[in-house]
Amino acid sequence: MQLILVTGLSGSGKSIALKQLEDLGYYCIDNLPGKYVVPVTKHLHSVRREHLAVSLDARSDVSLSELSRDLEDLVASGVHLRILCLTASTDALVQRYSETRRQHPLSQADSDSPETLVEAIERERKLLEPIMDDAHIIDTTGMLPNTLKHWVRSFVNAKKGAILLTFESFGFKKGLPIASDLVFDVRCLPNPYWVEELRPLNGKDQPVIDFLSKEPLVRSMFEDIRGFVEKWLPHYEAQNQHYLTVSIGCTGGQHRSVYICEQLGKYFSERCEGVITRHRTLDAAK
């Protein structure tokens, strides 16, 4: 079983790290009281949850040094434990609290002796010292959220996730699909609708395919869209985007957009994992 404890200074990015671990398939628990870490881990292990991430902070009901002793039993039982500790400079944390206008959790904890923000940050730093020697430390000072997500992926040796690429045809007269990330308009192409015998057919029928495949403009449009998607797809993947929907639109969503969508789906299915082809107008008619 893989157990990752996510701890660190408040405001250093623990929530971002935990959400990234959740996206990677970890069962995540935020701010679990320290005394429950061992029993919860044993229970999840018994029901075959093999990847667990738990967020802890300095307000835990047991000290981090006490928790370290309890975790030794888990390690002895075969649990692979790793500790991820996020930190940042005091100046960076003060700026983040100023921007979000939130109160530091340790300032809330002891109303009898109020502390300034800087004092609360420094006290939390001292509380985390017992666990720092065994932790993998990431300093998030000046770090963008996507960069932190990249470091978290590296920390767990995560494989690069395949993006789910969807090609969807639609008719402009019925409006744009809400989930569209990229939209291409193919209404400038020759329209089979004006050929009487092709009018009742759609872009998946062979007579329509034969008609459109002979048109140089259709081929040129396909190549341009294919090249655009092929060029920029790795950059969407690099930003940890899990879904990319490419919408192809013509007037009625029956002929041209369906044909282009089908051709794109076939091309990318041979080169990528996770490719879906959808036809909004045709599917609605079923």
C-alpha atoms as a PDB file:
ATOM      1  CA  MET A   1       0.000   0.000   0.000  1.00  0.00           C
ATOM      2  CA  GLN A   2       1.169   3.506  -0.814  1.00  0.00           C
ATOM      3  CA  LEU A   3       0.550   6.131   1.896  1.00  0.00           C
ATOM      4  CA  ILE A   4       1.497   9.765   1.349  1.00  0.00           C
ATOM      5  CA  LEU A   5       1.264  12.268   4.179  1.00  0.00           C
ATOM      6  CA  VAL A   6       0.901  15.798   2.856  1.00  0.00           C
ATOM      7  CA  THR A   7       1.873  18.415   5.398  1.00  0.00           C
ATOM      8  CA  GLY A   8       3.505  21.807   5.516  1.00  0.00           C
ATOM      9  CA  LEU A   9       2.865  25.444   6.199  1.00  0.00           C
ATOM     10  CA  SER A  10      -0.647  26.798   5.830  1.00  0.00           C
ATOM     11  CA  GLY A  11      -0.892  28.659   2.524  1.00  0.00           C
ATOM     12  CA  SER A  12       1.992  26.758   0.922  1.00  0.00           C
ATOM     13  CA  GLY A  13      -0.192  24.766  -1.494  1.00  0.00           C
ATOM     14  CA  LYS A  14      -1.324  21.619   0.350  1.00  0.00           C
ATOM     15  CA  SER A  15      -4.801  21.755  -1.188  1.00  0.00           C
ATOM     16  CA  ILE A  16      -3.336  21.955  -4.698  1.00  0.00           C
ATOM     17  CA  ALA A  17      -1.038  19.002  -3.979  1.00  0.00           C
ATOM     18  CA  LEU A  18      -3.888  16.916  -2.561  1.00  0.00           C
ATOM     19  CA  LYS A  19      -6.140  17.626  -5.553  1.00  0.00           C
ATOM     20  CA  GLN A  20      -3.340  16.587  -7.899  1.00  0.00           C
ATOM     21  CA  LEU A  21      -2.907  13.322  -6.002  1.00  0.00           C
ATOM     22  CA  GLU A  22      -6.660  12.740  -6.246  1.00  0.00           C
ATOM     23  CA  ASP A  23      -6.441  13.217 -10.029  1.00  0.00           C
ATOM     24  CA  LEU A  24      -3.693  10.587 -10.032  1.00  0.00           C
ATOM     25  CA  GLY A  25      -5.983   8.011  -8.408  1.00  0.00           C
ATOM     26  CA  TYR A  26      -5.173   8.435  -4.718  1.00  0.00           C
ATOM     27  CA  TYR A  27      -7.922   8.188  -2.097  1.00  0.00           C
ATOM     28  CA  CYS A  28      -7.497  11.601  -0.463  1.00  0.00           C
ATOM     29  CA  ILE A  29      -8.498  12.799   3.001  1.00  0.00           C
ATOM     30  CA  ASP A  30      -8.012  16.448   3.938  1.00  0.00           C
ATOM     31  CA  ASN A  31      -7.036  17.426   7.511  1.00  0.00           C
ATOM     32  CA  LEU A  32      -7.561  13.998   9.049  1.00  0.00           C
ATOM     33  CA  PRO A  33      -6.975  14.061  12.839  1.00  0.00           C
ATOM     34  CA  GLY A  34      -3.600  12.480  13.521  1.00  0.00           C
ATOM     35  CA  LYS A  35      -4.893   9.719  15.793  1.00  0.00           C
ATOM     36  CA  TYR A  36      -6.989   8.329  12.943  1.00  0.00           C
ATOM     37  CA  VAL A  37      -4.191   8.004  10.385  1.00  0.00           C
ATOM     38  CA  VAL A  38      -3.185   4.486  11.412  1.00  0.00           C
ATOM     39  CA  PRO A  39      -6.689   2.969  11.819  1.00  0.00           C
ATOM     40  CA  VAL A  40      -7.957   4.597   8.610  1.00  0.00           C
ATOM     41  CA  THR A  41      -4.943   3.319   6.687  1.00  0.00           C
ATOM     42  CA  LYS A  42      -5.428  -0.214   8.020  1.00  0.00           C
ATOM     43  CA  HIS A  43      -9.118  -0.149   7.144  1.00  0.00           C
ATOM     44  CA  LEU A  44      -8.548   1.087   3.588  1.00  0.00           C
ATOM     45  CA  HIS A  45      -5.809  -1.495   3.134  1.00  0.00           C
ATOM     46  CA  SER A  46      -8.269  -4.214   4.209  1.00  0.00           C
ATOM     47  CA  VAL A  47     -10.724  -3.152   1.483  1.00  0.00           C
ATOM     48  CA  ARG A  48      -7.914  -3.000  -1.093  1.00  0.00           C
ATOM     49  CA  ARG A  49      -7.511   0.737  -1.407  1.00  0.00           C
ATOM     50  CA  GLU A  50      -3.834   0.710  -2.263  1.00  0.00           C
ATOM     51  CA  HIS A  51      -3.162   4.434  -2.756  1.00  0.00           C
ATOM     52  CA  LEU A  52      -3.956   6.823   0.088  1.00  0.00           C
ATOM     53  CA  ALA A  53      -3.000  10.475   0.603  1.00  0.00           C
ATOM     54  CA  VAL A  54      -3.721  12.235   3.901  1.00  0.00           C
ATOM     55  CA  SER A  55      -3.324  15.938   4.588  1.00  0.00           C
ATOM     56  CA  LEU A  56      -2.147  16.899   8.073  1.00  0.00           C
ATOM     57  CA  ASP A  57      -1.299  20.255   9.575  1.00  0.00           C
ATOM     58  CA  ALA A  58       0.219  21.543  12.795  1.00  0.00           C
ATOM     59  CA  ARG A  59      -3.208  21.641  14.480  1.00  0.00           C
ATOM     60  CA  SER A  60      -3.370  17.834  14.573  1.00  0.00           C
ATOM     61  CA  ASP A  61      -4.730  16.343  17.803  1.00  0.00           C
ATOM     62  CA  VAL A  62      -1.408  14.522  18.315  1.00  0.00           C
ATOM     63  CA  SER A  63       2.051  16.008  17.894  1.00  0.00           C
ATOM     64  CA  LEU A  64       3.911  15.183  14.728  1.00  0.00           C
ATOM     65  CA  SER A  65       6.647  13.515  16.783  1.00  0.00           C
ATOM     66  CA  GLU A  66       4.048  11.216  18.410  1.00  0.00           C
ATOM     67  CA  LEU A  67       2.535  10.472  15.028  1.00  0.00           C
ATOM     68  CA  SER A  68       5.972   9.499  13.711  1.00  0.00           C
ATOM     69  CA  ARG A  69       6.179   6.745  16.311  1.00  0.00           C
ATOM     70  CA  ASP A  70       2.705   5.443  15.377  1.00  0.00           C
ATOM     71  CA  LEU A  71       3.619   5.371  11.700  1.00  0.00           C
ATOM     72  CA  GLU A  72       6.513   2.994  12.397  1.00  0.00           C
ATOM     73  CA  ASP A  73       3.950   0.196  12.903  1.00  0.00           C
ATOM     74  CA  LEU A  74       2.507   0.852   9.451  1.00  0.00           C
ATOM     75  CA  VAL A  75       5.923   0.766   7.830  1.00  0.00           C
ATOM     76  CA  ALA A  76       6.722  -2.479   9.654  1.00  0.00           C
ATOM     77  CA  SER A  77       3.508  -4.015   8.269  1.00  0.00           C
ATOM     78  CA  GLY A  78       4.615  -3.298   4.708  1.00  0.00           C
ATOM     79  CA  VAL A  79       2.979   0.058   4.019  1.00  0.00           C
ATOM     80  CA  HIS A  80       5.173   2.255   1.821  1.00  0.00           C
ATOM     81  CA  LEU A  81       5.108   5.646   3.558  1.00  0.00           C
ATOM     82  CA  ARG A  82       6.273   8.910   2.057  1.00  0.00           C
ATOM     83  CA  ILE A  83       5.945  12.389   3.527  1.00  0.00           C
ATOM     84  CA  LEU A  84       5.510  15.445   1.330  1.00  0.00           C
ATOM     85  CA  CYS A  85       6.108  18.729   3.123  1.00  0.00           C
ATOM     86  CA  LEU A  86       5.333  22.053   1.458  1.00  0.00           C
ATOM     87  CA  THR A  87       6.952  25.235   2.619  1.00  0.00           C
ATOM     88  CA  ALA A  88       7.436  28.816   1.474  1.00  0.00           C
ATOM     89  CA  SER A  89       9.162  31.983   2.607  1.00  0.00           C
ATOM     90  CA  THR A  90       7.429  34.058   5.249  1.00  0.00           C
ATOM     91  CA  ASP A  91       7.185  36.998   2.831  1.00  0.00           C
ATOM     92  CA  ALA A  92       5.465  34.811   0.220  1.00  0.00           C
ATOM     93  CA  LEU A  93       2.980  33.456   2.774  1.00  0.00           C
ATOM     94  CA  VAL A  94       2.187  36.926   4.085  1.00  0.00           C
ATOM     95  CA  GLN A  95       1.489  38.065   0.525  1.00  0.00           C
ATOM     96  CA  ARG A  96      -0.806  35.073  -0.132  1.00  0.00           C
ATOM     97  CA  TYR A  97      -2.800  35.708   3.049  1.00  0.00           C
ATOM     98  CA  SER A  98      -3.040  39.357   2.117  1.00  0.00           C
ATOM     99  CA  GLU A  99      -4.402  38.477  -1.322  1.00  0.00           C
ATOM    100  CA  THR A 100      -6.939  35.910  -0.083  1.00  0.00           C
ATOM    101  CA  ARG A 101      -7.820  37.878   3.100  1.00  0.00           C
ATOM    102  CA  ARG A 102      -7.987  34.645   5.050  1.00  0.00           C
ATOM    103  CA  GLN A 103      -6.927  34.179   8.657  1.00  0.00           C
ATOM    104  CA  HIS A 104      -4.041  31.897   9.549  1.00  0.00           C
ATOM    105  CA  PRO A 105      -5.380  28.757  11.312  1.00  0.00           C
ATOM    106  CA  LEU A 106      -3.010  29.150  14.272  1.00  0.00           C
ATOM    107  CA  SER A 107      -4.278  32.688  14.816  1.00  0.00           C
ATOM    108  CA  GLN A 108      -7.714  31.154  15.340  1.00  0.00           C
ATOM    109  CA  ALA A 109      -6.507  28.397  17.619  1.00  0.00           C
ATOM    110  CA  ASP A 110      -5.570  30.446  20.680  1.00  0.00           C
ATOM    111  CA  SER A 111      -7.795  33.446  21.240  1.00  0.00           C
ATOM    112  CA  ASP A 112      -6.348  34.103  24.722  1.00  0.00           C
ATOM    113  CA  SER A 113      -2.970  35.084  23.269  1.00  0.00           C
ATOM    114  CA  PRO A 114      -3.519  36.497  19.766  1.00  0.00           C
ATOM    115  CA  GLU A 115      -0.594  36.431  17.352  1.00  0.00           C
ATOM    116  CA  THR A 116       0.294  38.460  14.348  1.00  0.00           C
ATOM    117  CA  LEU A 117       0.341  36.686  10.985  1.00  0.00           C
ATOM    118  CA  VAL A 118       4.143  36.511  10.958  1.00  0.00           C
ATOM    119  CA  GLU A 119       4.195  35.092  14.498  1.00  0.00           C
ATOM    120  CA  ALA A 120       1.650  32.412  13.550  1.00  0.00           C
ATOM    121  CA  ILE A 121       3.683  31.423  10.492  1.00  0.00           C
ATOM    122  CA  GLU A 122       6.885  31.120  12.503  1.00  0.00           C
ATOM    123  CA  ARG A 123       5.165  29.096  15.258  1.00  0.00           C
ATOM    124  CA  GLU A 124       3.801  26.688  12.654  1.00  0.00           C
ATOM    125  CA  ARG A 125       7.306  26.364  11.194  1.00  0.00           C
ATOM    126  CA  LYS A 126       8.591  25.277  14.629  1.00  0.00           C
ATOM    127  CA  LEU A 127       5.764  22.753  15.067  1.00  0.00           C
ATOM    128  CA  LEU A 128       6.657  21.091  11.771  1.00  0.00           C
ATOM    129  CA  GLU A 129      10.348  20.632  12.595  1.00  0.00           C
ATOM    130  CA  PRO A 130      10.041  17.048  13.998  1.00  0.00           C
ATOM    131  CA  ILE A 131       8.837  15.691  10.673  1.00  0.00           C
ATOM    132  CA  MET A 132      11.042  17.697   8.315  1.00  0.00           C
ATOM    133  CA  ASP A 133      14.034  15.341   8.383  1.00  0.00           C
ATOM    134  CA  ASP A 134      11.998  12.455   6.969  1.00  0.00           C
ATOM    135  CA  ALA A 135      10.037  14.524   4.453  1.00  0.00           C
ATOM    136  CA  HIS A 136      10.449  15.414   0.812  1.00  0.00           C
ATOM    137  CA  ILE A 137      10.350  19.213   0.888  1.00  0.00           C
ATOM    138  CA  ILE A 138       9.015  21.433  -1.885  1.00  0.00           C
ATOM    139  CA  ASP A 139       9.482  25.176  -1.522  1.00  0.00           C
ATOM    140  CA  THR A 140       6.576  26.861  -3.311  1.00  0.00           C
ATOM    141  CA  THR A 141       7.915  30.406  -3.029  1.00  0.00           C
ATOM    142  CA  GLY A 142       7.218  32.063  -6.379  1.00  0.00           C
ATOM    143  CA  MET A 143       5.849  28.797  -7.772  1.00  0.00           C
ATOM    144  CA  LEU A 144       2.805  28.693 -10.047  1.00  0.00           C
ATOM    145  CA  PRO A 145       0.070  26.108  -9.305  1.00  0.00           C
ATOM    146  CA  ASN A 146       0.795  24.138 -12.498  1.00  0.00           C
ATOM    147  CA  THR A 147       4.468  23.926 -11.561  1.00  0.00           C
ATOM    148  CA  LEU A 148       3.544  22.536  -8.147  1.00  0.00           C
ATOM    149  CA  LYS A 149       1.286  19.964  -9.824  1.00  0.00           C
ATOM    150  CA  HIS A 150       4.244  18.933 -12.004  1.00  0.00           C
ATOM    151  CA  TRP A 151       6.467  18.455  -8.946  1.00  0.00           C
ATOM    152  CA  VAL A 152       3.786  16.391  -7.200  1.00  0.00           C
ATOM    153  CA  ARG A 153       3.522  14.144 -10.267  1.00  0.00           C
ATOM    154  CA  SER A 154       7.299  13.734 -10.223  1.00  0.00           C
ATOM    155  CA  PHE A 155       7.240  12.970  -6.492  1.00  0.00           C
ATOM    156  CA  VAL A 156       4.959   9.946  -7.017  1.00  0.00           C
ATOM    157  CA  ASN A 157       6.611   8.964 -10.334  1.00  0.00           C
ATOM    158  CA  ALA A 158       3.265   9.318 -12.077  1.00  0.00           C
ATOM    159  CA  LYS A 159       3.023   8.234 -15.661  1.00  0.00           C
ATOM    160  CA  LYS A 160       1.922  10.826 -18.141  1.00  0.00           C
ATOM    161  CA  GLY A 161      -1.860  10.657 -18.308  1.00  0.00           C
ATOM    162  CA  ALA A 162      -3.544  10.363 -21.684  1.00  0.00           C
ATOM    163  CA  ILE A 163      -5.901  13.207 -22.512  1.00  0.00           C
ATOM    164  CA  LEU A 164      -9.431  12.260 -23.595  1.00  0.00           C
ATOM    165  CA  LEU A 165      -9.776  13.745 -27.085  1.00  0.00           C
ATOM    166  CA  THR A 166     -13.341  14.201 -28.352  1.00  0.00           C
ATOM    167  CA  PHE A 167     -14.386  15.242 -31.841  1.00  0.00           C
ATOM    168  CA  GLU A 168     -17.994  16.420 -31.965  1.00  0.00           C
ATOM    169  CA  SER A 169     -19.993  17.557 -34.985  1.00  0.00           C
ATOM    170  CA  PHE A 170     -22.845  20.031 -34.603  1.00  0.00           C
ATOM    171  CA  GLY A 171     -25.124  22.399 -36.518  1.00  0.00           C
ATOM    172  CA  PHE A 172     -24.683  26.125 -35.992  1.00  0.00           C
ATOM    173  CA  LYS A 173     -28.422  26.689 -36.283  1.00  0.00           C
ATOM    174  CA  LYS A 174     -28.841  24.785 -33.000  1.00  0.00           C
ATOM    175  CA  GLY A 175     -26.027  26.533 -31.132  1.00  0.00           C
ATOM    176  CA  LEU A 176     -22.511  25.692 -29.968  1.00  0.00           C
ATOM    177  CA  PRO A 177     -21.843  22.642 -27.749  1.00  0.00           C
ATOM    178  CA  ILE A 178     -21.173  23.871 -24.204  1.00  0.00           C
ATOM    179  CA  ALA A 179     -18.159  21.620 -23.648  1.00  0.00           C
ATOM    180  CA  SER A 180     -16.247  22.894 -26.695  1.00  0.00           C
ATOM    181  CA  ASP A 181     -12.570  23.761 -26.212  1.00  0.00           C
ATOM    182  CA  LEU A 182     -11.821  24.326 -29.909  1.00  0.00           C
ATOM    183  CA  VAL A 183     -14.448  25.182 -32.542  1.00  0.00           C
ATOM    184  CA  PHE A 184     -13.969  24.971 -36.316  1.00  0.00           C
ATOM    185  CA  ASP A 185     -16.482  26.289 -38.838  1.00  0.00           C
ATOM    186  CA  VAL A 186     -16.721  24.223 -42.059  1.00  0.00           C
ATOM    187  CA  ARG A 187     -19.751  25.997 -43.576  1.00  0.00           C
ATOM    188  CA  CYS A 188     -17.499  27.333 -46.349  1.00  0.00           C
ATOM    189  CA  LEU A 189     -17.144  23.828 -47.837  1.00  0.00           C
ATOM    190  CA  PRO A 190     -19.259  22.454 -50.725  1.00  0.00           C
ATOM    191  CA  ASN A 191     -22.585  21.325 -49.262  1.00  0.00           C
ATOM    192  CA  PRO A 192     -24.056  17.880 -50.150  1.00  0.00           C
ATOM    193  CA  TYR A 193     -27.433  19.203 -48.967  1.00  0.00           C
ATOM    194  CA  TRP A 194     -27.903  20.840 -52.353  1.00  0.00           C
ATOM    195  CA  VAL A 195     -27.529  17.507 -54.160  1.00  0.00           C
ATOM    196  CA  GLU A 196     -31.013  16.040 -54.064  1.00  0.00           C
ATOM    197  CA  GLU A 197     -30.049  12.381 -53.674  1.00  0.00           C
ATOM    198  CA  LEU A 198     -27.564  13.225 -50.889  1.00  0.00           C
ATOM    199  CA  ARG A 199     -29.896  15.467 -48.873  1.00  0.00           C
ATOM    200  CA  PRO A 200     -31.482  12.704 -46.736  1.00  0.00           C
ATOM    201  CA  LEU A 201     -28.092  11.067 -46.057  1.00  0.00           C
ATOM    202  CA  ASN A 202     -25.368  12.101 -43.615  1.00  0.00           C
ATOM    203  CA  GLY A 203     -21.587  12.379 -43.481  1.00  0.00           C
ATOM    204  CA  LYS A 204     -21.153   8.707 -42.527  1.00  0.00           C
ATOM    205  CA  ASP A 205     -22.945   7.417 -45.642  1.00  0.00           C
ATOM    206  CA  GLN A 206     -20.705   6.309 -48.504  1.00  0.00           C
ATOM    207  CA  PRO A 207     -22.264   8.525 -51.244  1.00  0.00           C
ATOM    208  CA  VAL A 208     -21.659  11.611 -49.104  1.00  0.00           C
ATOM    209  CA  ILE A 209     -18.128  10.424 -48.269  1.00  0.00           C
ATOM    210  CA  ASP A 210     -17.419   9.965 -51.986  1.00  0.00           C
ATOM    211  CA  PHE A 211     -18.788  13.423 -52.780  1.00  0.00           C
ATOM    212  CA  LEU A 212     -16.773  15.247 -50.106  1.00  0.00           C
ATOM    213  CA  SER A 213     -13.538  13.272 -50.483  1.00  0.00           C
ATOM    214  CA  LYS A 214     -13.275  14.440 -54.113  1.00  0.00           C
ATOM    215  CA  GLU A 215     -13.382  18.122 -53.145  1.00  0.00           C
ATOM    216  CA  PRO A 216      -9.925  19.767 -52.786  1.00  0.00           C
ATOM    217  CA  LEU A 217     -11.311  22.346 -50.311  1.00  0.00           C
ATOM    218  CA  VAL A 218     -12.593  19.593 -48.057  1.00  0.00           C
ATOM    219  CA  ARG A 219      -9.212  17.881 -48.030  1.00  0.00           C
ATOM    220  CA  SER A 220      -7.462  21.174 -47.342  1.00  0.00           C
ATOM    221  CA  MET A 221      -9.795  21.957 -44.438  1.00  0.00           C
ATOM    222  CA  PHE A 222      -9.216  18.512 -42.939  1.00  0.00           C
ATOM    223  CA  GLU A 223      -5.444  18.911 -43.182  1.00  0.00           C
ATOM    224  CA  ASP A 224      -5.522  22.346 -41.561  1.00  0.00           C
ATOM    225  CA  ILE A 225      -7.634  21.188 -38.597  1.00  0.00           C
ATOM    226  CA  ARG A 226      -5.605  17.991 -38.243  1.00  0.00           C
ATOM    227  CA  GLY A 227      -2.348  19.949 -38.236  1.00  0.00           C
ATOM    228  CA  PHE A 228      -3.628  22.444 -35.681  1.00  0.00           C
ATOM    229  CA  VAL A 229      -4.816  19.778 -33.250  1.00  0.00           C
ATOM    230  CA  GLU A 230      -1.689  17.678 -33.735  1.00  0.00           C
ATOM    231  CA  LYS A 231       0.557  20.671 -33.050  1.00  0.00           C
ATOM    232  CA  TRP A 232      -1.192  21.921 -29.917  1.00  0.00           C
ATOM    233  CA  LEU A 233      -2.379  18.667 -28.316  1.00  0.00           C
ATOM    234  CA  PRO A 234       0.950  18.068 -26.474  1.00  0.00           C
ATOM    235  CA  HIS A 235       0.720  21.551 -24.964  1.00  0.00           C
ATOM    236  CA  TYR A 236      -2.773  20.864 -23.613  1.00  0.00           C
ATOM    237  CA  GLU A 237      -1.437  17.613 -22.128  1.00  0.00           C
ATOM    238  CA  ALA A 238       1.499  19.485 -20.582  1.00  0.00           C
ATOM    239  CA  GLN A 239      -0.984  21.662 -18.668  1.00  0.00           C
ATOM    240  CA  ASN A 240      -2.527  18.530 -17.080  1.00  0.00           C
ATOM    241  CA  GLN A 241      -5.739  19.001 -19.043  1.00  0.00           C
ATOM    242  CA  HIS A 242      -7.732  15.771 -18.905  1.00  0.00           C
ATOM    243  CA  TYR A 243     -10.276  16.538 -21.634  1.00  0.00           C
ATOM    244  CA  LEU A 244     -10.073  18.299 -24.981  1.00  0.00           C
ATOM    245  CA  THR A 245     -13.245  18.657 -27.061  1.00  0.00           C
ATOM    246  CA  VAL A 246     -12.863  19.722 -30.688  1.00  0.00           C
ATOM    247  CA  SER A 247     -16.199  20.781 -32.175  1.00  0.00           C
ATOM    248  CA  ILE A 248     -16.745  20.857 -35.942  1.00  0.00           C
ATOM    249  CA  GLY A 249     -19.756  22.836 -37.127  1.00  0.00           C
ATOM    250  CA  CYS A 250     -21.694  23.197 -40.355  1.00  0.00           C
ATOM    251  CA  THR A 251     -25.160  24.612 -40.983  1.00  0.00           C
ATOM    252  CA  GLY A 252     -27.287  21.621 -40.007  1.00  0.00           C
ATOM    253  CA  GLY A 253     -24.724  19.272 -38.466  1.00  0.00           C
ATOM    254  CA  GLN A 254     -25.577  16.485 -40.900  1.00  0.00           C
ATOM    255  CA  HIS A 255     -23.093  16.294 -43.785  1.00  0.00           C
ATOM    256  CA  ARG A 256     -19.858  18.321 -43.789  1.00  0.00           C
ATOM    257  CA  SER A 257     -19.187  18.502 -40.053  1.00  0.00           C
ATOM    258  CA  VAL A 258     -19.974  14.804 -39.631  1.00  0.00           C
ATOM    259  CA  TYR A 259     -17.591  13.832 -42.436  1.00  0.00           C
ATOM    260  CA  ILE A 260     -14.709  15.983 -41.120  1.00  0.00           C
ATOM    261  CA  CYS A 261     -15.342  14.776 -37.584  1.00  0.00           C
ATOM    262  CA  GLU A 262     -15.251  11.130 -38.681  1.00  0.00           C
ATOM    263  CA  GLN A 263     -12.022  11.623 -40.605  1.00  0.00           C
ATOM    264  CA  LEU A 264     -10.345  13.345 -37.656  1.00  0.00           C
ATOM    265  CA  GLY A 265     -11.517  10.622 -35.294  1.00  0.00           C
ATOM    266  CA  LYS A 266     -10.060   7.896 -37.510  1.00  0.00           C
ATOM    267  CA  TYR A 267      -6.753   9.715 -37.926  1.00  0.00           C
ATOM    268  CA  PHE A 268      -6.172  10.393 -34.216  1.00  0.00           C
ATOM    269  CA  SER A 269      -7.484   6.993 -33.070  1.00  0.00           C
ATOM    270  CA  GLU A 270      -4.518   5.427 -34.851  1.00  0.00           C
ATOM    271  CA  ARG A 271      -2.090   7.692 -33.015  1.00  0.00           C
ATOM    272  CA  CYS A 272      -3.579   8.452 -29.582  1.00  0.00           C
ATOM    273  CA  GLU A 273      -5.294   6.685 -26.721  1.00  0.00           C
ATOM    274  CA  GLY A 274      -8.722   7.843 -25.641  1.00  0.00           C
ATOM    275  CA  VAL A 275     -10.347   9.280 -28.784  1.00  0.00           C
ATOM    276  CA  ILE A 276     -14.147   9.688 -28.953  1.00  0.00           C
ATOM    277  CA  THR A 277     -16.291  10.742 -31.914  1.00  0.00           C
ATOM    278  CA  ARG A 278     -19.739  12.225 -31.304  1.00  0.00           C
ATOM    279  CA  HIS A 279     -22.376  13.703 -33.622  1.00  0.00           C
ATOM    280  CA  ARG A 280     -24.688  16.052 -31.782  1.00  0.00           C
ATOM    281  CA  THR A 281     -27.375  16.366 -34.448  1.00  0.00           C
ATOM    282  CA  LEU A 282     -27.351  12.714 -35.541  1.00  0.00           C
ATOM    283  CA  ASP A 283     -27.332  11.415 -31.953  1.00  0.00           C
ATOM    284  CA  ALA A 284     -30.263  13.650 -31.022  1.00  0.00           C
ATOM    285  CA  ALA A 285     -32.288  12.215 -33.914  1.00  0.00           C
ATOM    286  CA  LYS A 286     -31.937   8.633 -32.687  1.00  0.00           C
END
